[in-house]
Amino acid sequence: MARGRRGHVGDLRISITDARGRPVPRRGLAAWLSRVAPRRAKGRVTIALVSDAEMRALNRRYRGVDRATDVLSFPADTDIRAPQRLLGDIVIAWGVATRQALAAGHSRADELKVLALHGLLHLIGYDHEQDSGEMARLERRLRRKGGLEEGLIERS
């Protein structure tokens, strides 16, 4: 999943691909995420837009949950001093994102931003299930910075 459309602002490099690593034309998503990302998000990230069936298989394999979820994060390097650090991969289910956008009353592009931001925060070590609201507060602040009303954690 290393090739694709790239967005680059500062020290964050983002490639957007399909499940096979082919570039997906979503430069606006990469630029937006680079702009709102926290300063500690430095390195390379791939965002893969996959089918619901592909996401279901990943969710089953890595989380033991037999359904498609909206976003999964797969962190890579743990050494924050590594040159050209690979932060990891964010996988987003295209169909789930589309349905969630309709339910939330906003565009699919906005939903992809919500999911990509959520996934990025997981890549840099945040965990909303165990952090007493730290990730939720940061996600809310960054989302507002990027012009989005609602976040993923708040929907839960």
Protein backbone atom coordinates (compact mmCIF):
# COMPACT_ATOMS: atom_id res chain seq x y z
CA MET A 1 0.00 0.00 0.00
CA ALA A 2 2.92 2.37 -0.44
CA ARG A 3 2.08 4.01 -3.79
CA GLY A 4 -0.69 6.44 -4.64
CA ARG A 5 -1.73 10.07 -4.75
CA ARG A 6 0.33 12.08 -2.34
CA GLY A 7 -0.47 14.99 -0.13
CA HIS A 8 2.44 16.61 1.61
CA VAL A 9 2.46 19.46 4.08
CA GLY A 10 5.31 19.74 6.55
CA ASP A 11 6.49 16.38 7.80
CA LEU A 12 3.42 14.27 6.92
CA ARG A 13 3.28 12.44 3.58
CA ILE A 14 -0.01 10.83 2.61
CA SER A 15 -0.68 8.39 -0.22
CA ILE A 16 -4.22 7.37 -1.12
CA THR A 17 -4.78 4.06 -2.86
CA ASP A 18 -7.30 1.34 -3.49
CA ALA A 19 -6.89 -2.12 -1.96
CA ARG A 20 -4.36 -3.10 -4.64
CA GLY A 21 -2.14 -0.06 -4.12
CA ARG A 22 -3.32 1.79 -7.21
CA PRO A 23 -3.57 5.59 -6.86
CA VAL A 24 -6.98 7.03 -6.02
CA PRO A 25 -7.63 10.67 -6.98
CA ARG A 26 -8.42 12.16 -3.56
CA ARG A 27 -5.82 14.92 -3.30
CA GLY A 28 -8.22 17.08 -1.32
CA LEU A 29 -8.38 14.46 1.43
CA ALA A 30 -4.59 14.19 1.67
CA ALA A 31 -4.14 17.98 1.72
CA TRP A 32 -6.88 18.43 4.35
CA LEU A 33 -5.46 15.74 6.63
CA SER A 34 -1.94 17.14 6.31
CA ARG A 35 -3.22 20.60 7.22
CA VAL A 36 -5.18 19.57 10.34
CA ALA A 37 -2.86 16.81 11.60
CA PRO A 38 -1.24 17.28 15.00
CA ARG A 39 2.44 18.24 14.97
CA ARG A 40 3.54 14.84 16.22
CA ALA A 41 2.10 13.19 13.07
CA LYS A 42 5.36 13.01 11.13
CA GLY A 43 6.14 10.41 8.52
CA ARG A 44 4.42 8.50 5.75
CA VAL A 45 0.82 7.31 5.83
CA THR A 46 -1.13 5.32 3.29
CA ILE A 47 -4.91 5.57 3.21
CA ALA A 48 -6.46 2.60 1.40
CA LEU A 49 -10.07 2.91 0.24
CA VAL A 50 -11.44 -0.64 0.10
CA SER A 51 -14.71 -2.46 -0.48
CA ASP A 52 -16.89 -3.48 2.43
CA ALA A 53 -16.06 -7.13 1.72
CA GLU A 54 -12.33 -6.39 1.93
CA MET A 55 -12.84 -4.46 5.15
CA ARG A 56 -14.90 -7.27 6.63
CA ALA A 57 -12.08 -9.72 5.92
CA LEU A 58 -9.52 -7.40 7.56
CA ASN A 59 -11.75 -6.79 10.57
CA ARG A 60 -12.31 -10.54 10.98
CA ARG A 61 -8.60 -11.32 10.63
CA TYR A 62 -7.19 -8.62 12.90
CA ARG A 63 -9.99 -7.94 15.38
CA GLY A 64 -12.03 -11.13 15.32
CA VAL A 65 -15.16 -9.18 14.35
CA ASP A 66 -17.06 -10.60 11.36
CA ARG A 67 -18.45 -7.39 9.86
CA ALA A 68 -17.25 -4.45 7.86
CA THR A 69 -16.22 -1.52 10.02
CA ASP A 70 -15.62 2.02 8.83
CA VAL A 71 -11.91 2.52 9.56
CA LEU A 72 -8.95 0.44 10.74
CA SER A 73 -5.47 1.67 11.56
CA PHE A 74 -2.31 -0.38 11.27
CA PRO A 75 0.61 1.39 12.97
CA ALA A 76 4.12 0.70 11.68
CA ASP A 77 7.33 2.20 13.11
CA THR A 78 7.56 2.79 16.80
CA ASP A 79 10.88 4.69 16.66
CA ILE A 80 9.83 8.32 16.30
CA ARG A 81 13.40 9.29 15.38
CA ALA A 82 13.51 7.01 12.32
CA PRO A 83 14.23 8.94 9.10
CA GLN A 84 11.34 8.75 6.64
CA ARG A 85 9.28 7.20 9.40
CA LEU A 86 6.42 5.01 8.25
CA LEU A 87 3.48 5.81 10.54
CA GLY A 88 1.34 3.07 9.03
CA ASP A 89 -1.81 2.40 7.05
CA ILE A 90 -5.36 3.61 7.44
CA VAL A 91 -7.99 1.47 5.76
CA ILE A 92 -11.43 2.93 5.05
CA ALA A 93 -14.44 0.95 3.82
CA TRP A 94 -15.90 2.86 0.88
CA GLY A 95 -19.46 1.53 1.25
CA VAL A 96 -19.60 2.03 5.03
CA ALA A 97 -18.27 5.58 4.59
CA THR A 98 -20.94 6.31 1.98
CA ARG A 99 -23.76 5.03 4.23
CA GLN A 100 -22.43 6.93 7.24
CA ALA A 101 -22.23 10.14 5.22
CA LEU A 102 -25.87 9.78 4.22
CA ALA A 103 -26.90 9.06 7.82
CA ALA A 104 -24.89 12.04 9.12
CA GLY A 105 -26.26 14.37 6.42
CA HIS A 106 -22.93 15.39 4.95
CA SER A 107 -20.86 14.55 1.88
CA ARG A 108 -18.83 11.39 1.39
CA ALA A 109 -15.75 13.64 1.14
CA ASP A 110 -16.45 14.96 4.65
CA GLU A 111 -16.97 11.43 5.95
CA LEU A 112 -13.63 10.36 4.50
CA LYS A 113 -12.02 13.28 6.35
CA VAL A 114 -13.67 12.25 9.63
CA LEU A 115 -12.48 8.66 9.21
CA ALA A 116 -8.97 9.57 8.03
CA LEU A 117 -8.44 11.90 10.99
CA HIS A 118 -9.68 9.25 13.41
CA GLY A 119 -7.38 6.67 11.85
CA LEU A 120 -4.39 9.02 11.94
CA LEU A 121 -4.84 9.67 15.64
CA HIS A 122 -4.79 5.92 16.25
CA LEU A 123 -1.58 5.64 14.21
CA ILE A 124 0.18 8.13 16.47
CA GLY A 125 -0.85 6.32 19.63
CA TYR A 126 -4.23 7.63 20.77
CA ASP A 127 -6.87 5.16 21.97
CA HIS A 128 -10.33 6.54 22.76
CA GLU A 129 -11.32 3.32 24.50
CA GLN A 130 -8.66 3.75 27.19
CA ASP A 131 -7.54 7.39 27.38
CA SER A 132 -10.20 9.16 29.49
CA GLY A 133 -11.31 11.37 26.61
CA GLU A 134 -7.92 12.67 25.44
CA MET A 135 -8.35 11.43 21.86
CA ALA A 136 -11.94 12.71 21.69
CA ARG A 137 -10.84 16.20 22.77
CA LEU A 138 -7.99 16.30 20.26
CA GLU A 139 -10.15 14.93 17.46
CA ARG A 140 -12.81 17.56 18.19
CA ARG A 141 -10.25 20.39 18.12
CA LEU A 142 -8.61 19.20 14.87
CA ARG A 143 -11.96 18.52 13.22
CA ARG A 144 -13.13 22.05 13.98
CA LYS A 145 -9.84 23.41 12.66
CA GLY A 146 -10.64 21.56 9.44
CA GLY A 147 -14.24 22.82 9.25
CA LEU A 148 -16.07 19.61 10.17
CA GLU A 149 -19.03 19.58 12.53
CA GLU A 150 -19.20 16.03 13.83
CA GLY A 151 -16.60 13.40 14.65
CA LEU A 152 -16.58 9.65 14.80
CA ILE A 153 -16.17 9.32 18.56
CA GLU A 154 -19.13 11.61 19.23
CA ARG A 155 -21.42 9.39 17.15
CA SER A 156 -20.66 6.35 19.28
